Amino acid sequence: MRGVHSVHTLSFGALYIEAWFRSRGEAEDEHLGSATGFLMGIPGDFWLVTAWHVVSGCRSDDGKVRRHDGLRPDYLRVRFAGEADDSFRSVVREYELYDDESQQDQRWRSPDDRRVDIAALRIGAAPDGVVEAFMPNTWPTVRELFSPEYRARQGSDADVDIPLRITDRLFVLGFPFGQTGSWPFAVWTAAPVASEPLQGWNGLPGFLLDSRTREGQSGAPVVMVIRPGDPVVTGGDVLMHDESAIALVGVYSGRIHPDSDLGMVWTTDALFAAVPEVAPPGWEPPA
């Protein structure tokens, strides 16, 4: 195709996930649904991040089991992209969610407040031979928007974080409706920030996106991508810059109502508080 020269690195960053119930009998295991997740951490010690309702099988608002038959996931089936000569091969791994059959001793980590719909499962090393695409854990500063030869000339004001404001465009990377037609590359859903991101939502560390996201994108990474020339407003000034910037903003967990296109994203601070192992050095929870 004309105009296509490369693949964006973060297109590998979202992983296709299936939640499965183990029959523990002669019947076959039952597929409960699809979702999205992503890796955080360092090579050899990864955490698989997704939404709490994906691993628990329960609603995050009232804690009730989501399915009418009461089935809840016992394990996740994750599809990684294995490296091949001219394409990619599917590498599937299964990760247990509990240490026993009673579903009492969970292996995943989540915030103390169930309503913060985030979960992370420590998986250790990624399977051999797969693309280890993991999300960044640091937030870019204004200085990073300038070319290397100009960075040294910038004053201390350039060390402030790039601001995130209402109406800024973010992207939800995932597999809507469990569609994997572009696998291993995620679908990028554009998502303007719809509520003040620093004010929280219902007193919780999250905010709303205005996006046509659908089932299958729960647990997806929400990212900010600033390209050269995109307007960046800081301190009342519009920056003219030459470099790009990428940041993980949070974890998408679903729409606030079936009839709405407003979706919920939980901040990286909420993730880092629950899983400090993936936080950047020196990170402290916001006051």
C-alpha atoms as a PDB file:
ATOM      1  CA  MET A   1       0.000   0.000   0.000  1.00  0.00           C
ATOM      2  CA  ARG A   2       1.339   3.409  -0.924  1.00  0.00           C
ATOM      3  CA  GLY A   3       2.334   5.581   1.997  1.00  0.00           C
ATOM      4  CA  VAL A   4       2.849   2.709   4.420  1.00  0.00           C
ATOM      5  CA  HIS A   5       6.482   2.371   5.413  1.00  0.00           C
ATOM      6  CA  SER A   6       6.496   1.020   8.950  1.00  0.00           C
ATOM      7  CA  VAL A   7       4.385  -0.215  11.847  1.00  0.00           C
ATOM      8  CA  HIS A   8       3.975   1.840  14.997  1.00  0.00           C
ATOM      9  CA  THR A   9       5.785   0.199  17.901  1.00  0.00           C
ATOM     10  CA  LEU A  10       2.780   0.470  20.202  1.00  0.00           C
ATOM     11  CA  SER A  11       0.626  -1.493  17.766  1.00  0.00           C
ATOM     12  CA  PHE A  12       2.264  -4.520  19.360  1.00  0.00           C
ATOM     13  CA  GLY A  13       1.522  -3.202  22.834  1.00  0.00           C
ATOM     14  CA  ALA A  14      -1.993  -4.586  23.252  1.00  0.00           C
ATOM     15  CA  LEU A  15      -2.471  -8.323  23.789  1.00  0.00           C
ATOM     16  CA  TYR A  16      -5.555 -10.325  22.878  1.00  0.00           C
ATOM     17  CA  ILE A  17      -6.950 -12.116  25.941  1.00  0.00           C
ATOM     18  CA  GLU A  18      -9.623 -14.764  26.440  1.00  0.00           C
ATOM     19  CA  ALA A  19     -11.137 -15.595  29.825  1.00  0.00           C
ATOM     20  CA  TRP A  20     -11.887 -19.296  30.375  1.00  0.00           C
ATOM     21  CA  PHE A  21     -13.798 -21.381  32.908  1.00  0.00           C
ATOM     22  CA  ARG A  22     -12.327 -24.801  33.697  1.00  0.00           C
ATOM     23  CA  SER A  23     -14.984 -27.535  33.645  1.00  0.00           C
ATOM     24  CA  ARG A  24     -13.085 -29.933  35.981  1.00  0.00           C
ATOM     25  CA  GLY A  25     -14.921 -32.804  34.396  1.00  0.00           C
ATOM     26  CA  GLU A  26     -15.520 -34.426  31.054  1.00  0.00           C
ATOM     27  CA  ALA A  27     -17.105 -31.320  29.578  1.00  0.00           C
ATOM     28  CA  GLU A  28     -14.935 -28.910  27.653  1.00  0.00           C
ATOM     29  CA  ASP A  29     -13.734 -25.682  29.232  1.00  0.00           C
ATOM     30  CA  GLU A  30     -15.980 -22.739  28.455  1.00  0.00           C
ATOM     31  CA  HIS A  31     -14.888 -19.515  26.809  1.00  0.00           C
ATOM     32  CA  LEU A  32     -16.376 -16.646  28.822  1.00  0.00           C
ATOM     33  CA  GLY A  33     -15.328 -13.704  26.698  1.00  0.00           C
ATOM     34  CA  SER A  34     -12.504 -11.738  25.141  1.00  0.00           C
ATOM     35  CA  ALA A  35     -10.627  -8.711  26.402  1.00  0.00           C
ATOM     36  CA  THR A  36      -7.397  -6.801  26.003  1.00  0.00           C
ATOM     37  CA  GLY A  37      -4.315  -6.504  28.188  1.00  0.00           C
ATOM     38  CA  PHE A  38      -0.758  -5.253  28.067  1.00  0.00           C
ATOM     39  CA  LEU A  39       2.612  -5.842  29.661  1.00  0.00           C
ATOM     40  CA  MET A  40       4.299  -3.669  32.257  1.00  0.00           C
ATOM     41  CA  GLY A  41       7.629  -4.207  33.948  1.00  0.00           C
ATOM     42  CA  ILE A  42      10.985  -5.295  32.607  1.00  0.00           C
ATOM     43  CA  PRO A  43      12.084  -8.245  30.449  1.00  0.00           C
ATOM     44  CA  GLY A  44      12.053 -11.339  32.600  1.00  0.00           C
ATOM     45  CA  ASP A  45       9.627  -9.870  35.125  1.00  0.00           C
ATOM     46  CA  PHE A  46       6.422  -8.775  33.422  1.00  0.00           C
ATOM     47  CA  TRP A  47       2.972  -8.074  34.786  1.00  0.00           C
ATOM     48  CA  LEU A  48      -0.072  -8.615  32.587  1.00  0.00           C
ATOM     49  CA  VAL A  49      -2.415  -5.666  33.144  1.00  0.00           C
ATOM     50  CA  THR A  50      -6.113  -5.750  32.291  1.00  0.00           C
ATOM     51  CA  ALA A  51      -9.454  -4.857  33.901  1.00  0.00           C
ATOM     52  CA  TRP A  52     -10.537  -6.297  37.260  1.00  0.00           C
ATOM     53  CA  HIS A  53     -13.878  -7.465  35.875  1.00  0.00           C
ATOM     54  CA  VAL A  54     -12.035  -9.490  33.232  1.00  0.00           C
ATOM     55  CA  VAL A  55     -10.181 -11.643  35.779  1.00  0.00           C
ATOM     56  CA  SER A  56     -12.867 -11.718  38.484  1.00  0.00           C
ATOM     57  CA  GLY A  57     -15.901 -12.244  36.274  1.00  0.00           C
ATOM     58  CA  CYS A  58     -17.762  -9.748  38.491  1.00  0.00           C
ATOM     59  CA  ARG A  59     -19.104  -6.243  38.084  1.00  0.00           C
ATOM     60  CA  SER A  60     -16.808  -3.654  39.579  1.00  0.00           C
ATOM     61  CA  ASP A  61     -19.673  -1.455  40.825  1.00  0.00           C
ATOM     62  CA  ASP A  62     -21.613  -3.978  42.924  1.00  0.00           C
ATOM     63  CA  GLY A  63     -19.388  -7.076  42.913  1.00  0.00           C
ATOM     64  CA  LYS A  64     -22.066  -9.346  41.425  1.00  0.00           C
ATOM     65  CA  VAL A  65     -21.109 -12.130  39.007  1.00  0.00           C
ATOM     66  CA  ARG A  66     -21.586 -10.860  35.473  1.00  0.00           C
ATOM     67  CA  ARG A  67     -22.919 -14.059  33.890  1.00  0.00           C
ATOM     68  CA  HIS A  68     -26.389 -15.427  34.600  1.00  0.00           C
ATOM     69  CA  ASP A  69     -24.988 -18.955  34.979  1.00  0.00           C
ATOM     70  CA  GLY A  70     -22.557 -17.797  37.665  1.00  0.00           C
ATOM     71  CA  LEU A  71     -19.419 -18.896  35.826  1.00  0.00           C
ATOM     72  CA  ARG A  72     -16.211 -17.007  36.566  1.00  0.00           C
ATOM     73  CA  PRO A  73     -12.786 -17.292  34.899  1.00  0.00           C
ATOM     74  CA  ASP A  74     -10.210 -19.783  36.147  1.00  0.00           C
ATOM     75  CA  TYR A  75      -7.481 -18.834  33.706  1.00  0.00           C
ATOM     76  CA  LEU A  76      -6.583 -16.408  30.948  1.00  0.00           C
ATOM     77  CA  ARG A  77      -5.474 -17.446  27.506  1.00  0.00           C
ATOM     78  CA  VAL A  78      -3.121 -14.816  26.055  1.00  0.00           C
ATOM     79  CA  ARG A  79      -1.993 -14.596  22.451  1.00  0.00           C
ATOM     80  CA  PHE A  80       1.527 -13.276  21.916  1.00  0.00           C
ATOM     81  CA  ALA A  81       3.171 -12.500  18.574  1.00  0.00           C
ATOM     82  CA  GLY A  82       6.017 -14.876  17.867  1.00  0.00           C
ATOM     83  CA  GLU A  83       8.746 -13.699  15.550  1.00  0.00           C
ATOM     84  CA  ALA A  84       8.929 -15.437  12.174  1.00  0.00           C
ATOM     85  CA  ASP A  85      10.856 -14.857   8.941  1.00  0.00           C
ATOM     86  CA  ASP A  86       8.369 -12.671   7.070  1.00  0.00           C
ATOM     87  CA  SER A  87       5.335 -12.623   9.355  1.00  0.00           C
ATOM     88  CA  PHE A  88       4.247 -13.565  12.871  1.00  0.00           C
ATOM     89  CA  ARG A  89       3.190 -16.800  14.472  1.00  0.00           C
ATOM     90  CA  SER A  90       0.682 -17.121  17.272  1.00  0.00           C
ATOM     91  CA  VAL A  91       2.147 -18.077  20.648  1.00  0.00           C
ATOM     92  CA  VAL A  92      -0.613 -18.858  23.146  1.00  0.00           C
ATOM     93  CA  ARG A  93      -0.022 -19.193  26.872  1.00  0.00           C
ATOM     94  CA  GLU A  94      -2.444 -19.878  29.690  1.00  0.00           C
ATOM     95  CA  TYR A  95      -2.125 -18.204  33.074  1.00  0.00           C
ATOM     96  CA  GLU A  96      -3.915 -19.469  36.160  1.00  0.00           C
ATOM     97  CA  LEU A  97      -5.872 -16.896  38.136  1.00  0.00           C
ATOM     98  CA  TYR A  98      -6.070 -18.872  41.400  1.00  0.00           C
ATOM     99  CA  ASP A  99      -3.912 -21.177  43.467  1.00  0.00           C
ATOM    100  CA  ASP A 100      -6.789 -23.567  44.153  1.00  0.00           C
ATOM    101  CA  GLU A 101     -10.096 -24.703  42.662  1.00  0.00           C
ATOM    102  CA  SER A 102     -12.181 -22.792  45.199  1.00  0.00           C
ATOM    103  CA  GLN A 103     -11.262 -19.483  43.533  1.00  0.00           C
ATOM    104  CA  GLN A 104     -10.271 -18.046  46.893  1.00  0.00           C
ATOM    105  CA  ASP A 105      -6.509 -17.587  46.649  1.00  0.00           C
ATOM    106  CA  GLN A 106      -6.207 -15.205  43.721  1.00  0.00           C
ATOM    107  CA  ARG A 107      -2.927 -14.654  41.941  1.00  0.00           C
ATOM    108  CA  TRP A 108      -3.647 -11.208  40.604  1.00  0.00           C
ATOM    109  CA  ARG A 109      -3.225  -7.828  42.267  1.00  0.00           C
ATOM    110  CA  SER A 110      -5.859  -5.076  42.253  1.00  0.00           C
ATOM    111  CA  PRO A 111      -6.634  -1.790  44.046  1.00  0.00           C
ATOM    112  CA  ASP A 112      -8.265  -2.025  47.467  1.00  0.00           C
ATOM    113  CA  ASP A 113     -11.325  -0.250  46.109  1.00  0.00           C
ATOM    114  CA  ARG A 114     -13.041  -2.718  43.783  1.00  0.00           C
ATOM    115  CA  ARG A 115     -14.577   0.134  41.791  1.00  0.00           C
ATOM    116  CA  VAL A 116     -11.109   0.983  40.427  1.00  0.00           C
ATOM    117  CA  ASP A 117     -11.373  -1.598  37.670  1.00  0.00           C
ATOM    118  CA  ILE A 118      -7.715  -2.630  37.298  1.00  0.00           C
ATOM    119  CA  ALA A 119      -5.968  -5.965  37.783  1.00  0.00           C
ATOM    120  CA  ALA A 120      -2.416  -7.152  37.185  1.00  0.00           C
ATOM    121  CA  LEU A 121      -1.110 -10.717  37.069  1.00  0.00           C
ATOM    122  CA  ARG A 122       2.585 -11.383  37.438  1.00  0.00           C
ATOM    123  CA  ILE A 123       3.684 -13.654  34.593  1.00  0.00           C
ATOM    124  CA  GLY A 124       7.461 -13.310  34.837  1.00  0.00           C
ATOM    125  CA  ALA A 125       9.284 -13.830  31.567  1.00  0.00           C
ATOM    126  CA  ALA A 126       7.426 -13.611  28.281  1.00  0.00           C
ATOM    127  CA  PRO A 127       7.386 -16.776  26.161  1.00  0.00           C
ATOM    128  CA  ASP A 128      10.560 -17.428  24.196  1.00  0.00           C
ATOM    129  CA  GLY A 129      10.748 -15.838  20.783  1.00  0.00           C
ATOM    130  CA  VAL A 130       7.859 -13.394  21.136  1.00  0.00           C
ATOM    131  CA  VAL A 131       7.840  -9.660  20.579  1.00  0.00           C
ATOM    132  CA  GLU A 132       8.345  -8.157  24.042  1.00  0.00           C
ATOM    133  CA  ALA A 133       6.323  -4.983  23.563  1.00  0.00           C
ATOM    134  CA  PHE A 134       5.667  -3.432  26.937  1.00  0.00           C
ATOM    135  CA  MET A 135       4.238  -0.063  27.859  1.00  0.00           C
ATOM    136  CA  PRO A 136       6.341   2.862  29.129  1.00  0.00           C
ATOM    137  CA  ASN A 137       5.923   3.808  32.780  1.00  0.00           C
ATOM    138  CA  THR A 138       7.260   7.378  32.676  1.00  0.00           C
ATOM    139  CA  TRP A 139       5.527  10.592  31.646  1.00  0.00           C
ATOM    140  CA  PRO A 140       7.339  12.775  29.082  1.00  0.00           C
ATOM    141  CA  THR A 141       8.438  16.319  29.825  1.00  0.00           C
ATOM    142  CA  VAL A 142       8.316  19.340  27.551  1.00  0.00           C
ATOM    143  CA  ARG A 143      12.092  19.061  27.030  1.00  0.00           C
ATOM    144  CA  GLU A 144      11.613  15.798  25.150  1.00  0.00           C
ATOM    145  CA  LEU A 145       9.623  17.578  22.446  1.00  0.00           C
ATOM    146  CA  PHE A 146      12.675  19.477  21.282  1.00  0.00           C
ATOM    147  CA  SER A 147      15.369  18.069  19.032  1.00  0.00           C
ATOM    148  CA  PRO A 148      18.547  16.924  20.811  1.00  0.00           C
ATOM    149  CA  GLU A 149      20.568  19.923  19.630  1.00  0.00           C
ATOM    150  CA  TYR A 150      18.042  22.332  21.165  1.00  0.00           C
ATOM    151  CA  ARG A 151      17.287  20.507  24.418  1.00  0.00           C
ATOM    152  CA  ALA A 152      20.345  21.840  26.207  1.00  0.00           C
ATOM    153  CA  ARG A 153      19.264  25.399  25.453  1.00  0.00           C
ATOM    154  CA  GLN A 154      15.920  25.009  27.182  1.00  0.00           C
ATOM    155  CA  GLY A 155      15.561  26.410  30.685  1.00  0.00           C
ATOM    156  CA  SER A 156      14.179  24.632  33.730  1.00  0.00           C
ATOM    157  CA  ASP A 157      10.628  25.312  32.549  1.00  0.00           C
ATOM    158  CA  ALA A 158      11.159  22.583  29.965  1.00  0.00           C
ATOM    159  CA  ASP A 159      11.354  19.958  32.722  1.00  0.00           C
ATOM    160  CA  VAL A 160       7.637  20.174  33.502  1.00  0.00           C
ATOM    161  CA  ASP A 161       5.374  17.320  32.468  1.00  0.00           C
ATOM    162  CA  ILE A 162       3.498  17.607  29.200  1.00  0.00           C
ATOM    163  CA  PRO A 163      -0.020  18.582  30.320  1.00  0.00           C
ATOM    164  CA  LEU A 164      -3.076  16.402  29.790  1.00  0.00           C
ATOM    165  CA  ARG A 165      -6.202  18.453  29.282  1.00  0.00           C
ATOM    166  CA  ILE A 166      -9.852  17.940  28.534  1.00  0.00           C
ATOM    167  CA  THR A 167     -10.501  17.512  24.757  1.00  0.00           C
ATOM    168  CA  ASP A 168      -6.956  16.150  24.221  1.00  0.00           C
ATOM    169  CA  ARG A 169      -7.071  13.153  21.911  1.00  0.00           C
ATOM    170  CA  LEU A 170      -5.979   9.805  23.327  1.00  0.00           C
ATOM    171  CA  PHE A 171      -6.093   6.302  21.851  1.00  0.00           C
ATOM    172  CA  VAL A 172      -7.484   3.028  23.199  1.00  0.00           C
ATOM    173  CA  LEU A 173      -5.475   0.098  21.812  1.00  0.00           C
ATOM    174  CA  GLY A 174      -7.332  -3.189  21.699  1.00  0.00           C
ATOM    175  CA  PHE A 175      -9.559  -5.690  19.964  1.00  0.00           C
ATOM    176  CA  PRO A 176     -13.205  -4.500  19.839  1.00  0.00           C
ATOM    177  CA  PHE A 177     -15.766  -7.316  19.888  1.00  0.00           C
ATOM    178  CA  GLY A 178     -12.820  -9.706  20.096  1.00  0.00           C
ATOM    179  CA  GLN A 179     -12.027  -9.026  16.441  1.00  0.00           C
ATOM    180  CA  THR A 180      -8.421  -9.943  15.659  1.00  0.00           C
ATOM    181  CA  GLY A 181      -8.399  -9.182  11.939  1.00  0.00           C
ATOM    182  CA  SER A 182      -5.375  -6.942  12.377  1.00  0.00           C
ATOM    183  CA  TRP A 183      -3.601  -9.230  14.838  1.00  0.00           C
ATOM    184  CA  PRO A 184      -0.921  -8.902  16.141  1.00  0.00           C
ATOM    185  CA  PHE A 185      -1.509  -5.206  15.610  1.00  0.00           C
ATOM    186  CA  ALA A 186      -4.076  -3.544  17.844  1.00  0.00           C
ATOM    187  CA  VAL A 187      -6.959  -1.411  16.658  1.00  0.00           C
ATOM    188  CA  TRP A 188      -6.451   2.243  17.615  1.00  0.00           C
ATOM    189  CA  THR A 189      -9.675   3.911  18.742  1.00  0.00           C
ATOM    190  CA  ALA A 190      -9.481   7.704  18.973  1.00  0.00           C
ATOM    191  CA  ALA A 191     -10.786   8.977  22.283  1.00  0.00           C
ATOM    192  CA  PRO A 192     -11.000  12.654  23.303  1.00  0.00           C
ATOM    193  CA  VAL A 193     -10.756  13.328  27.026  1.00  0.00           C
ATOM    194  CA  ALA A 194     -14.342  14.025  28.113  1.00  0.00           C
ATOM    195  CA  SER A 195     -13.981  14.916  31.798  1.00  0.00           C
ATOM    196  CA  GLU A 196     -11.338  16.869  33.674  1.00  0.00           C
ATOM    197  CA  PRO A 197      -8.544  14.295  33.986  1.00  0.00           C
ATOM    198  CA  LEU A 198      -7.009  15.701  37.174  1.00  0.00           C
ATOM    199  CA  GLN A 199     -10.290  15.950  39.077  1.00  0.00           C
ATOM    200  CA  GLY A 200     -11.141  12.258  39.230  1.00  0.00           C
ATOM    201  CA  TRP A 201     -14.535  10.666  38.636  1.00  0.00           C
ATOM    202  CA  ASN A 202     -16.885   9.950  41.532  1.00  0.00           C
ATOM    203  CA  GLY A 203     -13.971  10.598  43.847  1.00  0.00           C
ATOM    204  CA  LEU A 204     -11.903   7.880  42.161  1.00  0.00           C
ATOM    205  CA  PRO A 205      -8.627   8.100  40.156  1.00  0.00           C
ATOM    206  CA  GLY A 206     -10.076   8.062  36.675  1.00  0.00           C
ATOM    207  CA  PHE A 207     -11.769  10.118  33.994  1.00  0.00           C
ATOM    208  CA  LEU A 208     -14.022   9.733  30.979  1.00  0.00           C
ATOM    209  CA  LEU A 209     -13.270   9.346  27.295  1.00  0.00           C
ATOM    210  CA  ASP A 210     -15.639  10.112  24.443  1.00  0.00           C
ATOM    211  CA  SER A 211     -15.066   7.075  22.280  1.00  0.00           C
ATOM    212  CA  ARG A 212     -16.920   4.395  20.351  1.00  0.00           C
ATOM    213  CA  THR A 213     -15.228   1.609  22.288  1.00  0.00           C
ATOM    214  CA  ARG A 214     -16.966  -1.720  22.641  1.00  0.00           C
ATOM    215  CA  GLU A 215     -16.743  -5.113  24.355  1.00  0.00           C
ATOM    216  CA  GLY A 216     -13.370  -6.736  23.946  1.00  0.00           C
ATOM    217  CA  GLN A 217     -11.467  -3.531  24.677  1.00  0.00           C
ATOM    218  CA  SER A 218     -11.735  -3.838  28.448  1.00  0.00           C
ATOM    219  CA  GLY A 219      -8.259  -3.783  29.938  1.00  0.00           C
ATOM    220  CA  ALA A 220      -6.767  -1.950  26.965  1.00  0.00           C
ATOM    221  CA  PRO A 221      -3.925   0.534  27.353  1.00  0.00           C
ATOM    222  CA  VAL A 222      -4.879   4.176  26.847  1.00  0.00           C
ATOM    223  CA  VAL A 223      -2.017   6.137  25.329  1.00  0.00           C
ATOM    224  CA  MET A 224      -1.130   9.691  24.426  1.00  0.00           C
ATOM    225  CA  VAL A 225       0.725  10.184  21.151  1.00  0.00           C
ATOM    226  CA  ILE A 226       2.071  13.624  20.249  1.00  0.00           C
ATOM    227  CA  ARG A 227       3.521  13.891  16.758  1.00  0.00           C
ATOM    228  CA  PRO A 228       5.840  16.589  15.485  1.00  0.00           C
ATOM    229  CA  GLY A 229       3.799  19.712  14.889  1.00  0.00           C
ATOM    230  CA  ASP A 230       0.835  18.711  17.061  1.00  0.00           C
ATOM    231  CA  PRO A 231      -0.160  21.716  19.198  1.00  0.00           C
ATOM    232  CA  VAL A 232       0.998  21.458  22.804  1.00  0.00           C
ATOM    233  CA  VAL A 233      -0.154  24.199  25.164  1.00  0.00           C
ATOM    234  CA  THR A 234       1.865  24.771  28.322  1.00  0.00           C
ATOM    235  CA  GLY A 235       2.111  27.861  30.481  1.00  0.00           C
ATOM    236  CA  GLY A 236      -0.204  29.696  28.103  1.00  0.00           C
ATOM    237  CA  ASP A 237       2.151  29.149  25.154  1.00  0.00           C
ATOM    238  CA  VAL A 238       1.699  26.915  22.123  1.00  0.00           C
ATOM    239  CA  LEU A 239       4.900  24.965  21.517  1.00  0.00           C
ATOM    240  CA  MET A 240       6.385  24.479  18.088  1.00  0.00           C
ATOM    241  CA  HIS A 241       8.290  21.230  18.386  1.00  0.00           C
ATOM    242  CA  ASP A 242      10.166  18.727  16.239  1.00  0.00           C
ATOM    243  CA  GLU A 243       9.948  15.506  18.231  1.00  0.00           C
ATOM    244  CA  SER A 244       7.229  13.040  19.174  1.00  0.00           C
ATOM    245  CA  ALA A 245       6.172  11.916  22.631  1.00  0.00           C
ATOM    246  CA  ILE A 246       4.363   8.811  23.833  1.00  0.00           C
ATOM    247  CA  ALA A 247       2.930   8.034  27.249  1.00  0.00           C
ATOM    248  CA  LEU A 248       0.694   5.463  28.885  1.00  0.00           C
ATOM    249  CA  VAL A 249      -2.225   7.379  30.378  1.00  0.00           C
ATOM    250  CA  GLY A 250      -4.137   4.529  31.996  1.00  0.00           C
ATOM    251  CA  VAL A 251      -6.264   1.395  31.699  1.00  0.00           C
ATOM    252  CA  TYR A 252      -9.590   1.347  29.868  1.00  0.00           C
ATOM    253  CA  SER A 253     -12.365  -0.628  31.571  1.00  0.00           C
ATOM    254  CA  GLY A 254     -15.565  -0.076  29.597  1.00  0.00           C
ATOM    255  CA  ARG A 255     -18.441   2.304  29.005  1.00  0.00           C
ATOM    256  CA  ILE A 256     -20.325   3.867  31.905  1.00  0.00           C
ATOM    257  CA  HIS A 257     -23.641   2.763  30.380  1.00  0.00           C
ATOM    258  CA  PRO A 258     -24.600   0.491  27.451  1.00  0.00           C
ATOM    259  CA  ASP A 259     -26.357   3.403  25.726  1.00  0.00           C
ATOM    260  CA  SER A 260     -23.409   5.772  26.104  1.00  0.00           C
ATOM    261  CA  ASP A 261     -20.169   6.269  24.210  1.00  0.00           C
ATOM    262  CA  LEU A 262     -18.490   7.571  27.352  1.00  0.00           C
ATOM    263  CA  GLY A 263     -15.867   5.156  28.616  1.00  0.00           C
ATOM    264  CA  MET A 264     -13.814   4.903  31.794  1.00  0.00           C
ATOM    265  CA  VAL A 265     -10.042   5.089  32.015  1.00  0.00           C
ATOM    266  CA  TRP A 266      -8.165   4.534  35.275  1.00  0.00           C
ATOM    267  CA  THR A 267      -4.944   6.438  35.720  1.00  0.00           C
ATOM    268  CA  THR A 268      -1.435   5.055  35.843  1.00  0.00           C
ATOM    269  CA  ASP A 269      -1.210   6.398  39.407  1.00  0.00           C
ATOM    270  CA  ALA A 270      -3.992   3.971  40.352  1.00  0.00           C
ATOM    271  CA  LEU A 271      -2.079   1.153  38.654  1.00  0.00           C
ATOM    272  CA  PHE A 272       1.228   2.071  40.292  1.00  0.00           C
ATOM    273  CA  ALA A 273      -0.420   2.263  43.718  1.00  0.00           C
ATOM    274  CA  ALA A 274      -1.716  -1.294  43.334  1.00  0.00           C
ATOM    275  CA  VAL A 275       1.440  -2.645  41.667  1.00  0.00           C
ATOM    276  CA  PRO A 276       4.400  -0.504  42.767  1.00  0.00           C
ATOM    277  CA  GLU A 277       6.730  -2.981  41.070  1.00  0.00           C
ATOM    278  CA  VAL A 278       5.879  -1.400  37.703  1.00  0.00           C
ATOM    279  CA  ALA A 279       6.089   2.227  38.865  1.00  0.00           C
ATOM    280  CA  PRO A 280       9.000   4.393  37.704  1.00  0.00           C
ATOM    281  CA  PRO A 281      11.850   4.999  40.164  1.00  0.00           C
ATOM    282  CA  GLY A 282      10.981   7.618  42.727  1.00  0.00           C
ATOM    283  CA  TRP A 283       7.257   7.512  41.997  1.00  0.00           C
ATOM    284  CA  GLU A 284       5.042   8.709  44.829  1.00  0.00           C
ATOM    285  CA  PRO A 285       1.259   8.627  44.972  1.00  0.00           C
ATOM    286  CA  PRO A 286      -0.361  12.005  44.359  1.00  0.00           C
ATOM    287  CA  ALA A 287      -1.272  13.957  47.475  1.00  0.00           C
END
